[in-house]
N, C-alpha and C. Protein backbone atom coordinates (compact mmCIF):
# COMPACT_ATOMS: atom_id res chain seq x y z
N ILE A 1 19.30 37.73 27.23
CA ILE A 1 20.12 35.75 28.25
C ILE A 1 21.16 35.74 27.05
N ALA A 2 22.72 36.22 27.36
CA ALA A 2 23.96 36.87 27.63
C ALA A 2 24.02 35.07 26.64
N PRO A 3 24.99 35.64 25.74
CA PRO A 3 25.33 34.56 24.75
C PRO A 3 25.80 33.34 25.42
N ASP A 4 26.41 33.69 26.39
CA ASP A 4 26.31 31.77 27.39
C ASP A 4 26.33 31.63 28.23
N GLY A 5 24.28 32.04 27.97
CA GLY A 5 23.11 31.69 28.77
C GLY A 5 23.68 31.36 30.00
N ARG A 6 24.33 32.16 30.95
CA ARG A 6 24.66 32.49 32.63
C ARG A 6 24.07 33.26 33.33
N ARG A 7 23.68 34.28 32.58
CA ARG A 7 23.53 36.02 32.62
C ARG A 7 21.68 35.89 31.92
N ALA A 8 21.38 36.99 32.99
CA ALA A 8 20.53 37.96 32.17
C ALA A 8 19.98 38.89 32.26
N GLY A 9 19.77 39.74 32.08
CA GLY A 9 19.53 41.22 32.26
C GLY A 9 17.90 41.54 32.47
N LEU A 10 17.49 41.82 33.35
CA LEU A 10 16.03 41.56 34.10
C LEU A 10 15.36 42.99 34.29
N CYS A 11 14.10 43.58 33.59
CA CYS A 11 13.70 44.43 32.91
C CYS A 11 12.64 44.02 33.29
N LEU A 12 11.35 44.25 34.62
CA LEU A 12 9.56 44.07 35.13
C LEU A 12 9.47 45.58 35.11
N ALA A 13 8.40 44.79 34.37
CA ALA A 13 6.63 46.42 33.80
C ALA A 13 5.79 46.13 34.13
N GLY A 14 5.43 45.73 35.23
CA GLY A 14 4.28 45.18 36.13
C GLY A 14 4.02 44.45 35.85
N HIS A 15 4.76 43.37 35.61
CA HIS A 15 4.65 41.43 35.64
C HIS A 15 4.88 41.27 36.80
N PRO A 16 5.00 39.91 37.93
CA PRO A 16 5.88 39.39 38.84
C PRO A 16 6.77 39.04 38.37
N SER A 17 7.78 38.82 39.17
CA SER A 17 9.24 38.75 39.49
C SER A 17 9.10 36.72 38.16
N PRO A 18 10.26 36.20 37.77
CA PRO A 18 10.45 34.90 37.56
C PRO A 18 10.43 34.68 38.50
N LEU A 19 9.94 32.84 38.19
CA LEU A 19 10.91 32.51 38.95
C LEU A 19 11.91 31.46 38.71
N LEU A 20 13.48 31.38 38.65
CA LEU A 20 14.27 30.65 38.64
C LEU A 20 14.02 29.20 39.89
N ALA A 21 14.75 27.26 38.69
CA ALA A 21 15.05 26.32 39.69
C ALA A 21 15.79 26.26 38.97
N ARG A 22 16.79 25.59 39.28
CA ARG A 22 18.35 25.08 38.96
C ARG A 22 18.47 23.95 39.69
N PRO A 23 18.47 23.18 39.54
CA PRO A 23 19.03 21.65 39.45
C PRO A 23 19.77 21.62 41.02
N GLY A 24 19.18 20.68 41.93
CA GLY A 24 20.46 20.44 43.84
C GLY A 24 19.89 21.85 44.13
N MET A 25 18.95 22.92 44.04
CA MET A 25 18.65 23.81 43.97
C MET A 25 17.30 23.75 44.33
N PRO A 26 16.27 24.42 45.74
CA PRO A 26 15.14 25.03 45.51
C PRO A 26 14.43 25.64 43.90
N ALA A 27 13.75 26.28 43.89
CA ALA A 27 13.24 27.32 42.66
C ALA A 27 12.54 28.66 43.82
N ARG A 28 13.52 29.22 42.94
CA ARG A 28 12.65 30.26 44.20
C ARG A 28 12.74 31.70 43.17
N LEU A 29 12.54 32.53 43.24
CA LEU A 29 11.89 34.10 42.74
C LEU A 29 13.50 34.64 42.42
N LEU A 30 13.08 35.40 40.86
CA LEU A 30 13.86 36.28 41.25
C LEU A 30 14.16 37.77 41.57
N PRO A 31 14.96 38.47 42.50
CA PRO A 31 14.79 39.90 42.45
C PRO A 31 13.38 40.47 42.30
N TYR A 32 13.10 41.48 42.80
CA TYR A 32 12.26 42.63 42.17
C TYR A 32 12.48 43.60 42.99
N ASP A 33 13.17 44.01 42.63
CA ASP A 33 13.88 45.53 43.70
C ASP A 33 14.21 46.57 41.75
N ASN A 34 13.38 47.92 42.44
CA ASN A 34 13.85 48.37 41.23
C ASN A 34 13.49 48.72 40.49
N ASN A 35 11.92 48.79 39.76
CA ASN A 35 11.28 48.04 39.06
C ASN A 35 10.84 49.03 38.48
N GLY A 36 9.49 49.56 37.20
CA GLY A 36 9.21 50.90 36.89
C GLY A 36 8.21 50.10 36.71
N PRO A 37 7.48 51.26 36.24
CA PRO A 37 5.43 50.82 36.01
C PRO A 37 5.93 50.48 34.80
N ALA A 38 4.12 49.66 34.53
CA ALA A 38 3.82 48.41 34.06
C ALA A 38 3.32 49.53 32.57
N LEU A 39 3.90 48.38 31.47
CA LEU A 39 3.89 49.04 30.31
C LEU A 39 2.61 49.80 29.82
N GLY A 40 2.54 51.17 29.76
CA GLY A 40 1.75 51.63 29.03
C GLY A 40 0.82 53.43 29.67
N LEU A 41 1.33 52.83 30.99
CA LEU A 41 1.04 53.28 32.13
C LEU A 41 1.36 55.09 31.46
N LEU A 42 2.89 55.55 31.79
CA LEU A 42 3.32 56.24 32.02
C LEU A 42 3.78 56.66 31.40
N PRO A 43 4.04 57.55 29.80
CA PRO A 43 4.87 58.27 29.12
C PRO A 43 6.19 58.59 28.88
N GLY A 44 7.09 58.42 29.35
CA GLY A 44 8.39 57.84 29.18
C GLY A 44 8.84 57.23 29.79
N ALA A 45 7.89 56.79 30.40
CA ALA A 45 8.35 55.79 32.01
C ALA A 45 9.94 54.88 30.68
N ARG A 46 10.73 54.69 32.16
CA ARG A 46 12.40 53.85 31.95
C ARG A 46 12.21 52.33 33.12
N TRP A 47 12.83 51.67 32.66
CA TRP A 47 12.81 50.40 33.93
C TRP A 47 14.22 49.98 33.48
N PRO A 48 14.90 49.80 34.68
CA PRO A 48 15.88 50.10 35.88
C PRO A 48 16.45 48.41 34.80
N ARG A 49 17.44 48.39 34.67
CA ARG A 49 17.80 46.54 33.66
C ARG A 49 18.42 45.92 35.26
N MET A 50 18.69 45.07 35.65
CA MET A 50 19.12 44.16 37.35
C MET A 50 19.62 43.24 36.22
N GLN A 51 21.09 43.09 36.12
CA GLN A 51 21.47 41.79 35.67
C GLN A 51 21.47 40.82 36.83
N VAL A 52 21.31 39.47 36.03
CA VAL A 52 21.15 38.49 37.33
C VAL A 52 21.74 37.85 37.39
N GLU A 53 21.85 36.39 37.83
CA GLU A 53 23.23 35.12 37.73
C GLU A 53 22.10 33.66 37.38
N LEU A 54 22.42 33.65 36.47
CA LEU A 54 21.60 31.85 36.54
C LEU A 54 22.23 30.59 36.73
N GLY A 55 22.94 30.61 36.03
CA GLY A 55 23.99 29.78 36.56
C GLY A 55 24.54 28.79 35.46
N ALA A 56 24.47 27.55 34.81
CA ALA A 56 24.77 26.88 34.04
C ALA A 56 23.54 25.87 33.31
N GLU A 57 22.88 25.79 34.45
CA GLU A 57 22.06 25.47 33.95
C GLU A 57 20.37 25.34 34.36
N TRP A 58 19.66 25.69 34.18
CA TRP A 58 18.30 26.29 34.89
C TRP A 58 17.08 26.39 33.58
N SER A 59 16.20 26.33 35.05
CA SER A 59 14.71 26.92 33.95
C SER A 59 14.46 27.50 34.26
N LEU A 60 13.22 28.84 34.02
CA LEU A 60 13.13 30.55 33.68
C LEU A 60 11.89 30.43 33.78
N MET A 61 10.75 30.87 34.56
CA MET A 61 8.73 31.01 34.59
C MET A 61 8.68 32.21 34.11
N LEU A 62 7.94 32.59 32.88
CA LEU A 62 7.58 33.84 33.94
C LEU A 62 6.20 33.38 33.24
N TYR A 63 5.36 34.28 34.37
CA TYR A 63 3.90 34.71 33.59
C TYR A 63 3.07 35.92 34.33
N THR A 64 2.69 36.47 33.61
CA THR A 64 1.42 37.06 34.59
C THR A 64 0.72 37.35 35.36
N ASP A 65 0.08 37.85 36.52
CA ASP A 65 -0.45 37.84 37.33
C ASP A 65 -1.64 36.76 37.51
N GLY A 66 -1.82 36.62 36.69
CA GLY A 66 -3.26 35.85 36.02
C GLY A 66 -3.14 34.50 36.90
N LEU A 67 -2.46 34.26 36.77
CA LEU A 67 -1.81 32.90 37.14
C LEU A 67 -1.63 32.52 38.69
N ILE A 68 -1.67 33.89 39.94
CA ILE A 68 -0.87 34.05 41.04
C ILE A 68 -2.18 34.16 41.58
N GLU A 69 -3.18 35.57 40.66
CA GLU A 69 -4.67 36.21 41.57
C GLU A 69 -5.54 34.85 41.70
N GLY A 70 -5.45 33.50 41.34
CA GLY A 70 -6.28 32.53 41.73
C GLY A 70 -6.51 32.58 42.76
N ARG A 71 -7.66 31.99 42.80
CA ARG A 71 -8.83 31.91 44.76
C ARG A 71 -8.42 30.52 44.74
N VAL A 72 -8.17 30.50 46.40
CA VAL A 72 -7.42 29.08 47.03
C VAL A 72 -8.62 28.83 47.82
N GLY A 73 -9.73 27.78 47.41
CA GLY A 73 -10.44 27.01 47.78
C GLY A 73 -11.53 28.36 48.40
N ASP A 74 -11.87 27.65 49.28
CA ASP A 74 -13.24 28.52 50.20
C ASP A 74 -12.97 30.08 50.94
N SER A 75 -11.47 30.14 51.07
CA SER A 75 -10.93 31.22 51.51
C SER A 75 -10.53 32.47 51.54
N GLY A 76 -10.91 32.34 49.80
CA GLY A 76 -10.62 33.55 49.16
C GLY A 76 -9.99 34.62 49.68
N GLU A 77 -8.74 33.31 50.02
CA GLU A 77 -6.83 34.34 49.25
C GLU A 77 -6.76 33.42 48.34
N ARG A 78 -6.08 34.84 47.59
CA ARG A 78 -5.62 34.09 46.79
C ARG A 78 -3.97 33.58 46.93
N LEU A 79 -4.05 32.72 45.76
CA LEU A 79 -2.39 31.56 45.65
C LEU A 79 -1.37 32.37 46.14
N GLY A 80 -0.62 33.29 45.34
CA GLY A 80 -0.45 34.51 45.74
C GLY A 80 1.40 33.43 45.20
N GLN A 81 2.37 35.23 44.46
CA GLN A 81 3.53 34.30 44.07
C GLN A 81 3.83 32.61 45.42
N ASP A 82 4.20 32.90 46.52
CA ASP A 82 4.71 32.00 47.51
C ASP A 82 3.49 30.86 46.89
N GLY A 83 2.88 30.74 47.46
CA GLY A 83 2.13 29.98 47.14
C GLY A 83 2.23 29.34 45.42
N MET A 84 2.53 29.67 44.64
CA MET A 84 2.66 29.31 43.11
C MET A 84 4.58 28.67 43.60
N VAL A 85 5.13 29.29 44.31
CA VAL A 85 6.75 28.66 44.53
C VAL A 85 6.55 27.64 44.68
N ASP A 86 5.80 27.27 45.93
CA ASP A 86 5.43 25.97 46.47
C ASP A 86 4.98 25.32 45.64
N LEU A 87 3.76 25.58 44.79
CA LEU A 87 3.17 24.47 44.23
C LEU A 87 4.53 24.12 42.90
N ILE A 88 5.50 24.97 42.40
CA ILE A 88 6.10 24.63 41.43
C ILE A 88 7.48 24.30 41.46
N ARG A 89 7.50 23.98 42.77
CA ARG A 89 8.96 23.36 43.86
C ARG A 89 8.30 21.63 44.04
N ARG A 90 6.91 21.78 44.59
CA ARG A 90 6.36 20.44 44.19
C ARG A 90 6.42 19.62 43.01
N ARG A 91 6.36 20.11 41.72
CA ARG A 91 5.86 19.38 40.96
C ARG A 91 7.51 18.97 40.11
N LEU A 92 8.75 20.42 40.89
CA LEU A 92 9.61 19.69 40.01
C LEU A 92 9.90 18.94 41.10
N SER A 93 10.33 18.35 42.06
CA SER A 93 9.94 17.29 43.56
C SER A 93 9.57 16.31 42.19
N GLU A 94 8.38 16.03 42.31
CA GLU A 94 7.53 14.77 40.95
C GLU A 94 8.37 14.42 39.54
N GLY A 95 9.62 15.49 39.63
CA GLY A 95 10.51 15.37 37.69
C GLY A 95 9.00 16.01 37.36
N LEU A 96 8.59 16.30 37.52
CA LEU A 96 8.10 17.15 35.96
C LEU A 96 9.35 18.17 35.05
N SER A 97 8.56 18.70 33.91
CA SER A 97 9.23 19.98 33.29
C SER A 97 8.65 19.70 31.88
N GLY A 98 9.21 21.02 31.87
CA GLY A 98 8.65 21.76 30.55
C GLY A 98 7.32 22.16 29.60
N GLU A 99 6.87 21.25 28.39
CA GLU A 99 4.86 21.05 28.85
C GLU A 99 4.80 21.17 30.03
N GLU A 100 4.96 20.26 30.53
CA GLU A 100 3.92 18.90 31.45
C GLU A 100 3.98 20.00 32.73
N LEU A 101 4.59 20.83 33.04
CA LEU A 101 5.25 20.78 33.81
C LEU A 101 4.02 22.04 34.16
N LEU A 102 3.76 23.00 32.65
CA LEU A 102 3.86 24.34 33.02
C LEU A 102 2.09 23.46 32.49
N ARG A 103 1.64 22.29 32.02
CA ARG A 103 0.43 22.39 32.06
C ARG A 103 -0.54 21.56 33.22
N THR A 104 0.24 20.97 33.39
CA THR A 104 -0.60 21.06 35.17
C THR A 104 -0.15 21.95 36.39
N ALA A 105 0.50 22.75 36.39
CA ALA A 105 1.00 23.89 37.61
C ALA A 105 -0.55 24.64 36.91
N VAL A 106 -0.53 24.98 35.38
CA VAL A 106 -2.40 25.51 35.06
C VAL A 106 -3.46 25.15 35.64
N ASN A 107 -3.40 24.09 35.17
CA ASN A 107 -4.48 23.21 36.00
C ASN A 107 -4.43 22.93 37.50
N GLU A 108 -3.76 22.84 38.12
CA GLU A 108 -3.48 22.60 39.84
C GLU A 108 -3.95 24.36 40.22
N VAL A 109 -3.54 25.17 39.68
CA VAL A 109 -4.61 26.40 39.80
C VAL A 109 -5.47 26.82 40.01
N ARG A 110 -6.08 26.19 38.66
CA ARG A 110 -7.48 26.46 38.06
C ARG A 110 -8.47 25.66 39.04
N ASP A 111 -8.09 24.72 39.61
CA ASP A 111 -8.57 23.78 40.27
C ASP A 111 -8.33 24.33 41.94
N LEU A 112 -7.52 25.15 42.05
CA LEU A 112 -7.75 25.65 43.01
C LEU A 112 -8.65 26.72 43.42
N ASN A 113 -9.00 27.23 42.32
CA ASN A 113 -9.68 28.18 42.10
C ASN A 113 -11.15 27.78 41.70
N GLY A 114 -11.39 26.97 41.48
CA GLY A 114 -12.34 26.24 41.89
C GLY A 114 -13.24 26.24 40.49
N GLY A 115 -12.15 26.82 38.94
CA GLY A 115 -12.96 26.55 37.78
C GLY A 115 -11.73 28.02 36.83
N GLU A 116 -12.31 27.84 36.28
CA GLU A 116 -11.61 29.11 35.48
C GLU A 116 -11.12 29.93 35.46
N LEU A 117 -9.73 31.37 35.47
CA LEU A 117 -8.79 31.87 36.00
C LEU A 117 -9.77 33.20 36.10
N THR A 118 -10.26 34.11 36.68
CA THR A 118 -10.26 35.93 35.75
C THR A 118 -9.85 36.75 35.22
N ASP A 119 -8.80 36.65 35.49
CA ASP A 119 -7.57 36.79 35.01
C ASP A 119 -6.20 36.51 33.26
N ASP A 120 -5.90 37.25 32.58
CA ASP A 120 -5.53 36.81 32.09
C ASP A 120 -4.01 35.63 32.66
N VAL A 121 -3.65 34.61 31.98
CA VAL A 121 -2.62 33.93 32.29
C VAL A 121 -2.01 33.29 31.05
N ALA A 122 -1.23 33.44 30.90
CA ALA A 122 0.47 34.09 30.30
C ALA A 122 1.45 33.28 30.92
N VAL A 123 1.80 32.06 30.00
CA VAL A 123 3.24 31.63 31.19
C VAL A 123 4.10 30.85 30.47
N LEU A 124 5.51 31.15 29.97
CA LEU A 124 6.64 30.83 29.18
C LEU A 124 7.04 30.32 30.46
N LEU A 125 7.77 28.81 29.81
CA LEU A 125 9.14 28.14 30.26
C LEU A 125 10.79 28.19 29.27
N LEU A 126 11.81 29.30 30.07
CA LEU A 126 12.92 28.72 29.46
C LEU A 126 13.46 27.70 29.54
N ASP A 127 14.17 27.08 29.43
CA ASP A 127 15.28 25.83 29.55
C ASP A 127 16.35 25.86 29.33
N ARG A 128 17.98 25.70 30.00
CA ARG A 128 18.77 25.75 29.28
C ARG A 128 19.68 24.14 30.31
N THR A 129 20.25 23.62 29.18
CA THR A 129 20.74 22.70 29.28
C THR A 129 21.88 22.21 28.95
N ARG A 130 22.46 21.15 29.96
CA ARG A 130 23.84 21.17 28.95
C ARG A 130 23.44 20.00 28.13
């Protein structure tokens, strides 16, 4: 993240695209273009760096695929990134933020899955406010 907090360099190495939320705009996934392989797969691999404009105020959510690979009820379908984005948008519209947003989101994903998730789940939320 740049010293002024308005932009960041992004390198994705096998994890899903971070989610960016800004006041007055719907939360969205950052671009997932031109990325390298998962860490540790290929010796000497490179990960292209992409510049991302964040704006003056923002929340950036980074997460492992365990959060989005859970199932949605009896359908057997995975939550996926689109389902996760919808879930986060709903919770943001309810005024949730910070630790409460993360706790509620992870609990809802577990509930949708019908219990504990089978893959690792790590979620990090970075906020920049004025």
